[in-house]
Protein backbone atom coordinates (compact mmCIF):
# COMPACT_ATOMS: atom_id res chain seq x y z
CA UNK A 1 -19.74 -0.35 -0.21
CA UNK A 2 -22.90 -0.11 1.88
CA UNK A 3 -22.86 0.17 5.60
CA UNK A 4 -24.83 0.62 8.79
CA UNK A 5 -22.71 2.17 11.46
CA UNK A 6 -22.07 0.63 14.84
CA UNK A 7 -24.40 2.05 17.48
CA UNK A 8 -23.05 5.33 18.75
CA UNK A 9 -20.35 5.58 16.04
CA UNK A 10 -20.37 7.81 13.04
CA UNK A 11 -19.77 6.73 9.45
CA UNK A 12 -15.99 6.48 8.86
CA UNK A 13 -14.22 9.00 6.68
CA UNK A 14 -13.01 7.48 3.38
CA UNK A 15 -10.00 5.31 3.97
CA UNK A 16 -6.82 5.53 1.93
CA UNK A 17 -7.81 2.80 -0.43
CA UNK A 18 -11.27 4.26 -0.88
CA UNK A 19 -9.74 7.70 -1.77
CA UNK A 20 -7.19 6.24 -4.16
CA UNK A 21 -9.55 3.59 -5.55
CA UNK A 22 -6.63 1.37 -6.69
CA UNK A 23 -6.95 -1.46 -4.16
CA UNK A 24 -6.54 -4.74 -6.01
CA UNK A 25 -9.47 -6.24 -4.06
CA UNK A 26 -12.01 -3.49 -3.93
CA UNK A 27 -10.79 -0.51 -5.89
CA UNK A 28 -13.10 0.67 -8.69
CA UNK A 29 -10.18 2.51 -10.31
CA UNK A 30 -8.15 -0.75 -10.77
CA UNK A 31 -9.28 -2.31 -14.07
CA UNK A 32 -7.27 -5.44 -13.33
CA UNK A 33 -8.46 -5.76 -9.70
CA UNK A 34 -11.33 -7.87 -8.36
CA UNK A 35 -13.51 -4.77 -7.75
CA UNK A 36 -15.35 -6.40 -4.91
CA UNK A 37 -18.30 -4.67 -3.48
CA UNK A 38 -19.07 -5.38 0.21
CA UNK A 39 -22.21 -4.95 2.32
CA UNK A 40 -21.15 -4.25 5.84
CA UNK A 41 -23.48 -5.12 8.75
CA UNK A 42 -22.11 -3.29 11.67
CA UNK A 43 -24.43 -4.74 14.22
CA UNK A 44 -23.60 -8.33 13.13
CA UNK A 45 -19.95 -7.22 12.54
CA UNK A 46 -19.86 -8.87 9.09
CA UNK A 47 -18.76 -7.94 5.56
CA UNK A 48 -20.29 -9.90 2.63
CA UNK A 49 -19.59 -9.84 -1.05
CA UNK A 50 -20.86 -11.84 -4.05
CA UNK A 51 -17.99 -13.25 -6.02
CA UNK A 52 -17.96 -14.77 -9.54
CA UNK A 53 -14.38 -14.95 -10.93
CA UNK A 54 -13.28 -15.85 -14.34
CA UNK A 55 -10.50 -17.96 -15.85
CA UNK A 56 -8.32 -14.84 -15.45
CA UNK A 57 -8.20 -15.88 -11.80
CA UNK A 58 -7.62 -19.60 -12.41
CA UNK A 59 -4.98 -21.77 -10.90
CA UNK A 60 -5.77 -25.42 -11.75
CA UNK A 61 -8.11 -25.68 -14.77
CA UNK A 62 -11.61 -24.56 -13.68
CA UNK A 63 -10.69 -23.46 -10.18
CA UNK A 64 -9.68 -20.17 -8.53
CA UNK A 65 -5.90 -19.73 -7.77
CA UNK A 66 -5.03 -20.12 -4.11
CA UNK A 67 -3.35 -16.68 -3.97
CA UNK A 68 -6.58 -15.14 -5.22
CA UNK A 69 -8.50 -17.02 -2.52
CA UNK A 70 -6.08 -15.67 0.12
CA UNK A 71 -6.69 -12.18 -1.31
CA UNK A 72 -10.42 -12.70 -0.99
CA UNK A 73 -9.99 -13.69 2.72
CA UNK A 74 -7.81 -10.67 3.40
CA UNK A 75 -10.32 -8.29 1.68
CA UNK A 76 -13.33 -9.70 3.55
CA UNK A 77 -11.58 -9.34 6.91
CA UNK A 78 -9.98 -5.93 6.21
CA UNK A 79 -13.36 -4.34 5.68
CA UNK A 80 -14.27 -5.15 9.23
CA UNK A 81 -11.82 -2.54 10.62
CA UNK A 82 -13.67 0.35 9.02
CA UNK A 83 -16.65 0.52 11.38
CA UNK A 84 -14.13 0.96 14.16
CA UNK A 85 -12.77 4.16 12.45
CA UNK A 86 -9.30 2.71 12.02
CA UNK A 87 -7.06 1.80 9.13
CA UNK A 88 -5.46 -1.52 10.03
CA UNK A 89 -2.95 -3.57 8.11
CA UNK A 90 -2.70 -7.30 7.89
CA UNK A 91 -0.18 -8.71 10.39
CA UNK A 92 -1.06 -12.41 10.00
CA UNK A 93 -3.17 -14.21 7.52
CA UNK A 94 -4.02 -17.95 7.74
CA UNK A 95 -6.08 -19.76 4.98
CA UNK A 96 -7.48 -23.34 4.93
CA UNK A 97 -8.33 -24.56 1.49
CA UNK A 98 -11.08 -27.00 2.19
CA UNK A 99 -12.45 -27.83 -1.35
CA UNK A 100 -11.60 -26.54 -4.84
CA UNK A 101 -13.23 -23.21 -5.53
CA UNK A 102 -14.79 -23.04 -9.04
CA UNK A 103 -14.38 -20.21 -11.51
CA UNK A 104 -17.56 -18.92 -13.29
CA UNK A 105 -19.87 -19.69 -10.39
CA UNK A 106 -21.58 -17.44 -7.89
CA UNK A 107 -19.80 -17.62 -4.51
CA UNK A 108 -20.41 -15.86 -1.22
CA UNK A 109 -17.46 -14.21 0.67
CA UNK A 110 -18.13 -13.40 4.30
CA UNK A 111 -15.85 -11.73 6.91
CA UNK A 112 -16.73 -11.77 10.63
CA UNK A 113 -15.17 -9.67 13.37
CA UNK A 114 -14.17 -11.84 16.36
CA UNK A 115 -12.63 -9.45 18.93
CA UNK A 116 -10.42 -6.37 19.57
CA UNK A 117 -7.46 -6.10 21.88
CA UNK A 118 -6.15 -2.53 21.82
CA UNK A 119 -4.70 -1.99 18.30
CA UNK A 120 -5.22 -5.65 17.44
CA UNK A 121 -8.30 -6.79 15.47
CA UNK A 122 -9.03 -10.47 15.06
CA UNK A 123 -11.27 -11.55 12.21
CA UNK A 124 -12.34 -14.65 10.32
CA UNK A 125 -13.59 -15.21 6.72
CA UNK A 126 -15.09 -17.89 4.51
CA UNK A 127 -15.73 -18.52 0.89
CA UNK A 128 -18.84 -20.65 0.28
CA UNK A 129 -21.13 -21.94 -2.39
CA UNK A 130 -24.69 -20.54 -2.33
CA UNK A 131 -25.90 -23.81 -0.73
CA UNK A 132 -23.62 -23.20 2.28
CA UNK A 133 -20.81 -25.61 1.26
CA UNK A 134 -17.63 -23.96 2.69
CA UNK A 135 -14.70 -23.89 0.24
CA UNK A 136 -12.13 -21.95 2.19
CA UNK A 137 -11.71 -20.39 5.57
CA UNK A 138 -9.28 -17.80 6.92
CA UNK A 139 -8.23 -16.07 10.08
CA UNK A 140 -6.46 -12.75 10.31
CA UNK A 141 -4.81 -10.37 12.77
CA UNK A 142 -4.89 -6.77 11.82
CA UNK A 143 -2.96 -3.94 13.57
CA UNK A 144 -4.47 -0.41 13.60
CA UNK A 145 -1.95 2.16 12.27
CA UNK A 146 -0.95 5.18 14.15
CA UNK A 147 -3.34 8.02 13.14
CA UNK A 148 -0.38 10.32 12.41
CA UNK A 149 0.84 7.88 9.81
CA UNK A 150 -2.56 7.74 8.31
CA UNK A 151 -2.84 11.50 8.23
CA UNK A 152 0.51 11.72 6.35
CA UNK A 153 -0.58 9.07 3.94
CA UNK A 154 -3.85 10.85 3.28
CA UNK A 155 -2.12 14.10 2.44
CA UNK A 156 0.20 12.26 0.03
CA UNK A 157 -2.80 10.75 -1.83
CA UNK A 158 -4.56 14.09 -2.43
């Protein structure tokens, strides 16, 4: 993942999923995962990934399974918590499937940070064709975990 930190904020330490590498969405150590690579733009508060899935991710013939699309939305939005130096878990995820999303084609996955309210982070995401046709949109609420819980989890991963 590539990043440019928010003004005045340092690069984040590796999160649990980065350390373990087994996240289904972005973990390089998960051979059955999606292995998404995001580019974070911390000034614009966006996370973007190129997506080209195979028939292994198919629902209806020729189209990406809806659960995989929900995973894509969750992944794009979850990356937006990192520049804030928190590990946050999905509390609520909402997906609108606007058009069938084809397998075997280049797609663009983009997450955008909307706002923060204390431990609550509000984000949105979209999956689109390169020509800008939006295939699916998502909204999510993420809750920052207590740093003590994160520290305990980090020790258990080592």
